[in-house]
Amino acid sequence: ENAGEDGAVIAGKVLENDSYNFGFDAQSGEFKDMIAAGIIDPTKVVRTALQDAASVASLLITTEAMIADRPEKKGPAGGPPGGGMGGMGDMDF
């Protein structure tokens, strides 16, 4: 779903290849050798993303109950202001 592609299909095609450098370039929509294409994710970024995802997943799994706010129904918008006397521009103080 990311970049307009089906993630399961992309992951399947990447896993079919034996090379660790093989991946999907979402910008061009092509499968290629990521190192040769200059597309490199720093290890720290990937590790942090995986740790954060695992942390959130474990939090949701161990939560006994989750509470979410129910959206409030809003009434119709008010009408425009009523007509009245004109401005008081001719009064000099």
N, C-alpha and C. Protein backbone atom coordinates (compact mmCIF):
# COMPACT_ATOMS: atom_id res chain seq x y z
N GLU A 1 0.81 -1.18 0.00
CA GLU A 1 0.00 0.00 0.00
C GLU A 1 0.87 1.26 0.00
N ASN A 2 2.07 1.14 0.47
CA ASN A 2 2.98 2.27 0.48
C ASN A 2 3.48 2.53 -0.93
N ALA A 3 3.50 3.75 -1.36
CA ALA A 3 3.95 4.16 -2.69
C ALA A 3 3.04 3.61 -3.78
N GLY A 4 1.79 3.29 -3.42
CA GLY A 4 0.83 2.83 -4.42
C GLY A 4 1.02 1.39 -4.86
N GLU A 5 1.82 0.63 -4.16
CA GLU A 5 2.08 -0.77 -4.51
C GLU A 5 1.58 -1.67 -3.39
N ASP A 6 1.29 -2.93 -3.73
CA ASP A 6 0.85 -3.91 -2.74
C ASP A 6 2.08 -4.45 -2.01
N GLY A 7 2.15 -4.20 -0.72
CA GLY A 7 3.32 -4.58 0.07
C GLY A 7 3.62 -6.06 0.06
N ALA A 8 2.58 -6.90 0.06
CA ALA A 8 2.79 -8.35 0.07
C ALA A 8 3.43 -8.82 -1.23
N VAL A 9 3.02 -8.25 -2.34
CA VAL A 9 3.60 -8.63 -3.64
C VAL A 9 5.06 -8.21 -3.71
N ILE A 10 5.34 -6.99 -3.27
CA ILE A 10 6.72 -6.48 -3.29
C ILE A 10 7.60 -7.34 -2.39
N ALA A 11 7.14 -7.62 -1.17
CA ALA A 11 7.94 -8.43 -0.25
C ALA A 11 8.18 -9.82 -0.81
N GLY A 12 7.17 -10.40 -1.46
CA GLY A 12 7.33 -11.72 -2.05
C GLY A 12 8.39 -11.75 -3.13
N LYS A 13 8.38 -10.73 -4.00
CA LYS A 13 9.38 -10.69 -5.08
C LYS A 13 10.78 -10.44 -4.54
N VAL A 14 10.88 -9.64 -3.50
CA VAL A 14 12.20 -9.38 -2.90
C VAL A 14 12.73 -10.66 -2.25
N LEU A 15 11.86 -11.40 -1.57
CA LEU A 15 12.29 -12.63 -0.89
C LEU A 15 12.64 -13.74 -1.87
N GLU A 16 12.10 -13.70 -3.09
CA GLU A 16 12.44 -14.71 -4.10
C GLU A 16 13.89 -14.60 -4.55
N ASN A 17 14.46 -13.41 -4.45
CA ASN A 17 15.84 -13.20 -4.88
C ASN A 17 16.79 -13.55 -3.75
N ASP A 18 17.91 -14.17 -4.07
CA ASP A 18 18.87 -14.60 -3.05
C ASP A 18 19.81 -13.48 -2.60
N SER A 19 19.89 -12.39 -3.34
CA SER A 19 20.82 -11.32 -3.01
C SER A 19 20.26 -10.44 -1.89
N TYR A 20 21.10 -10.11 -0.91
CA TYR A 20 20.68 -9.21 0.15
C TYR A 20 20.56 -7.77 -0.34
N ASN A 21 21.17 -7.47 -1.47
CA ASN A 21 21.15 -6.11 -2.01
C ASN A 21 19.92 -5.85 -2.87
N PHE A 22 19.14 -6.87 -3.19
CA PHE A 22 18.00 -6.75 -4.08
C PHE A 22 16.84 -6.10 -3.34
N GLY A 23 16.20 -5.13 -3.99
CA GLY A 23 15.07 -4.46 -3.36
C GLY A 23 14.22 -3.74 -4.38
N PHE A 24 13.23 -3.03 -3.90
CA PHE A 24 12.27 -2.32 -4.74
C PHE A 24 12.51 -0.83 -4.61
N ASP A 25 12.73 -0.16 -5.74
CA ASP A 25 12.89 1.28 -5.79
C ASP A 25 11.51 1.88 -6.03
N ALA A 26 10.89 2.41 -5.00
CA ALA A 26 9.52 2.92 -5.10
C ALA A 26 9.44 4.14 -6.01
N GLN A 27 10.51 4.91 -6.11
CA GLN A 27 10.48 6.10 -6.93
C GLN A 27 10.38 5.75 -8.41
N SER A 28 11.14 4.74 -8.85
CA SER A 28 11.10 4.36 -10.26
C SER A 28 10.14 3.20 -10.52
N GLY A 29 9.71 2.51 -9.46
CA GLY A 29 8.81 1.38 -9.61
C GLY A 29 9.50 0.13 -10.13
N GLU A 30 10.82 0.02 -9.91
CA GLU A 30 11.59 -1.10 -10.43
C GLU A 30 12.29 -1.85 -9.30
N PHE A 31 12.53 -3.14 -9.54
CA PHE A 31 13.35 -3.96 -8.65
C PHE A 31 14.78 -3.84 -9.13
N LYS A 32 15.71 -3.64 -8.19
CA LYS A 32 17.11 -3.48 -8.60
C LYS A 32 18.05 -3.76 -7.45
N ASP A 33 19.33 -3.77 -7.76
CA ASP A 33 20.39 -3.88 -6.75
C ASP A 33 20.45 -2.53 -6.05
N MET A 34 20.05 -2.49 -4.80
CA MET A 34 19.93 -1.22 -4.08
C MET A 34 21.28 -0.55 -3.85
N ILE A 35 22.32 -1.34 -3.61
CA ILE A 35 23.65 -0.76 -3.38
C ILE A 35 24.15 -0.10 -4.67
N ALA A 36 24.00 -0.79 -5.79
CA ALA A 36 24.44 -0.23 -7.07
C ALA A 36 23.64 1.02 -7.43
N ALA A 37 22.38 1.08 -7.00
CA ALA A 37 21.54 2.24 -7.29
C ALA A 37 21.79 3.38 -6.31
N GLY A 38 22.58 3.13 -5.26
CA GLY A 38 22.89 4.18 -4.28
C GLY A 38 21.80 4.38 -3.24
N ILE A 39 20.92 3.40 -3.10
CA ILE A 39 19.84 3.49 -2.12
C ILE A 39 20.25 2.67 -0.90
N ILE A 40 20.68 3.38 0.14
CA ILE A 40 21.23 2.71 1.32
C ILE A 40 20.58 3.31 2.56
N ASP A 41 19.98 2.47 3.40
CA ASP A 41 19.43 2.91 4.68
C ASP A 41 20.48 2.71 5.76
N PRO A 42 20.75 3.75 6.55
CA PRO A 42 21.69 3.57 7.65
C PRO A 42 21.17 2.53 8.64
N THR A 43 22.06 1.71 9.17
CA THR A 43 21.69 0.64 10.09
C THR A 43 20.96 1.18 11.31
N LYS A 44 21.42 2.31 11.82
CA LYS A 44 20.80 2.86 13.02
C LYS A 44 19.34 3.24 12.76
N VAL A 45 19.03 3.76 11.60
CA VAL A 45 17.66 4.14 11.26
C VAL A 45 16.77 2.91 11.18
N VAL A 46 17.25 1.88 10.50
CA VAL A 46 16.48 0.64 10.36
C VAL A 46 16.28 -0.02 11.72
N ARG A 47 17.34 -0.08 12.52
CA ARG A 47 17.24 -0.70 13.84
C ARG A 47 16.25 0.04 14.72
N THR A 48 16.31 1.37 14.72
CA THR A 48 15.40 2.17 15.53
C THR A 48 13.95 1.98 15.09
N ALA A 49 13.72 1.94 13.78
CA ALA A 49 12.36 1.73 13.27
C ALA A 49 11.82 0.37 13.70
N LEU A 50 12.64 -0.66 13.62
CA LEU A 50 12.21 -2.00 14.03
C LEU A 50 11.96 -2.07 15.54
N GLN A 51 12.81 -1.43 16.33
CA GLN A 51 12.62 -1.44 17.78
C GLN A 51 11.34 -0.70 18.17
N ASP A 52 11.09 0.44 17.53
CA ASP A 52 9.88 1.19 17.83
C ASP A 52 8.63 0.42 17.43
N ALA A 53 8.67 -0.22 16.27
CA ALA A 53 7.52 -1.01 15.83
C ALA A 53 7.26 -2.17 16.78
N ALA A 54 8.31 -2.84 17.22
CA ALA A 54 8.16 -3.96 18.16
C ALA A 54 7.63 -3.46 19.50
N SER A 55 8.08 -2.29 19.93
CA SER A 55 7.63 -1.73 21.20
C SER A 55 6.13 -1.43 21.16
N VAL A 56 5.68 -0.81 20.09
CA VAL A 56 4.25 -0.49 19.96
C VAL A 56 3.43 -1.77 19.87
N ALA A 57 3.91 -2.74 19.10
CA ALA A 57 3.18 -4.01 18.96
C ALA A 57 3.06 -4.72 20.30
N SER A 58 4.14 -4.75 21.08
CA SER A 58 4.07 -5.43 22.38
C SER A 58 3.17 -4.67 23.35
N LEU A 59 3.15 -3.36 23.25
CA LEU A 59 2.25 -2.57 24.10
C LEU A 59 0.80 -2.89 23.77
N LEU A 60 0.46 -2.96 22.49
CA LEU A 60 -0.91 -3.26 22.10
C LEU A 60 -1.32 -4.68 22.47
N ILE A 61 -0.38 -5.61 22.35
CA ILE A 61 -0.69 -7.01 22.67
C ILE A 61 -0.94 -7.19 24.17
N THR A 62 -0.17 -6.50 25.00
CA THR A 62 -0.29 -6.68 26.45
C THR A 62 -1.35 -5.79 27.08
N THR A 63 -1.96 -4.92 26.30
CA THR A 63 -3.00 -4.05 26.83
C THR A 63 -4.29 -4.84 27.00
N GLU A 64 -4.89 -4.76 28.19
CA GLU A 64 -6.12 -5.50 28.44
C GLU A 64 -7.33 -4.80 27.84
N ALA A 65 -7.30 -3.49 27.79
CA ALA A 65 -8.42 -2.74 27.22
C ALA A 65 -7.88 -1.46 26.60
N MET A 66 -8.48 -1.07 25.51
CA MET A 66 -8.10 0.17 24.86
C MET A 66 -9.32 1.08 24.80
N ILE A 67 -9.12 2.35 25.04
CA ILE A 67 -10.22 3.30 25.00
C ILE A 67 -9.93 4.31 23.91
N ALA A 68 -10.92 4.53 23.09
CA ALA A 68 -10.79 5.54 22.03
C ALA A 68 -11.94 6.52 22.17
N ASP A 69 -11.71 7.76 21.84
CA ASP A 69 -12.77 8.76 21.92
C ASP A 69 -13.76 8.54 20.78
N ARG A 70 -15.03 8.60 21.12
CA ARG A 70 -16.07 8.51 20.10
C ARG A 70 -16.24 9.92 19.51
N PRO A 71 -16.28 10.03 18.19
CA PRO A 71 -16.45 11.36 17.60
C PRO A 71 -17.80 11.97 18.01
N GLU A 72 -17.76 13.23 18.34
CA GLU A 72 -18.98 13.92 18.75
C GLU A 72 -19.75 14.37 17.52
N LYS A 73 -21.09 14.24 17.61
CA LYS A 73 -21.93 14.73 16.52
C LYS A 73 -22.08 16.23 16.68
N LYS A 74 -21.85 16.95 15.62
CA LYS A 74 -21.95 18.40 15.67
C LYS A 74 -23.26 18.83 15.01
N GLY A 75 -23.90 19.82 15.58
CA GLY A 75 -25.14 20.34 15.02
C GLY A 75 -24.87 21.15 13.76
N PRO A 76 -25.93 21.58 13.12
CA PRO A 76 -25.73 22.38 11.90
C PRO A 76 -25.06 23.71 12.23
N ALA A 77 -24.37 24.23 11.26
CA ALA A 77 -23.67 25.51 11.43
C ALA A 77 -24.69 26.63 11.56
N GLY A 78 -24.33 27.66 12.30
CA GLY A 78 -25.21 28.81 12.47
C GLY A 78 -25.34 29.61 11.18
N GLY A 79 -26.40 30.40 11.11
CA GLY A 79 -26.63 31.22 9.92
C GLY A 79 -25.79 32.48 9.95
N PRO A 80 -25.86 33.26 8.89
CA PRO A 80 -25.10 34.51 8.84
C PRO A 80 -25.71 35.52 9.81
N PRO A 81 -24.97 36.57 10.17
CA PRO A 81 -25.51 37.57 11.09
C PRO A 81 -26.71 38.28 10.47
N GLY A 82 -27.62 38.68 11.34
CA GLY A 82 -28.82 39.37 10.86
C GLY A 82 -28.51 40.77 10.36
N GLY A 83 -29.41 41.29 9.55
CA GLY A 83 -29.25 42.65 9.03
C GLY A 83 -29.54 43.66 10.11
N GLY A 84 -29.10 44.84 9.93
CA GLY A 84 -29.33 45.86 10.94
C GLY A 84 -29.03 47.22 10.35
N MET A 85 -28.83 48.15 11.23
CA MET A 85 -28.53 49.51 10.79
C MET A 85 -27.18 49.54 10.10
N GLY A 86 -27.02 50.48 9.23
CA GLY A 86 -25.76 50.65 8.55
C GLY A 86 -24.68 51.11 9.51
N GLY A 87 -23.49 51.34 8.97
CA GLY A 87 -22.39 51.78 9.80
C GLY A 87 -22.63 53.16 10.36
N MET A 88 -21.80 53.58 11.26
CA MET A 88 -21.93 54.89 11.88
C MET A 88 -20.77 55.76 11.45
N GLY A 89 -20.47 55.71 10.16
CA GLY A 89 -19.31 56.42 9.65
C GLY A 89 -19.48 57.93 9.61
N ASP A 90 -20.72 58.46 9.67
CA ASP A 90 -20.90 59.91 9.55
C ASP A 90 -20.91 60.60 10.90
N MET A 91 -20.64 59.88 11.96
CA MET A 91 -20.61 60.49 13.29
C MET A 91 -19.19 60.90 13.61
N ASP A 92 -18.97 62.16 13.82
CA ASP A 92 -17.63 62.66 14.14
C ASP A 92 -17.51 62.91 15.64
N PHE A 93 -16.44 62.39 16.20
CA PHE A 93 -16.17 62.63 17.61
C PHE A 93 -14.95 63.45 17.74
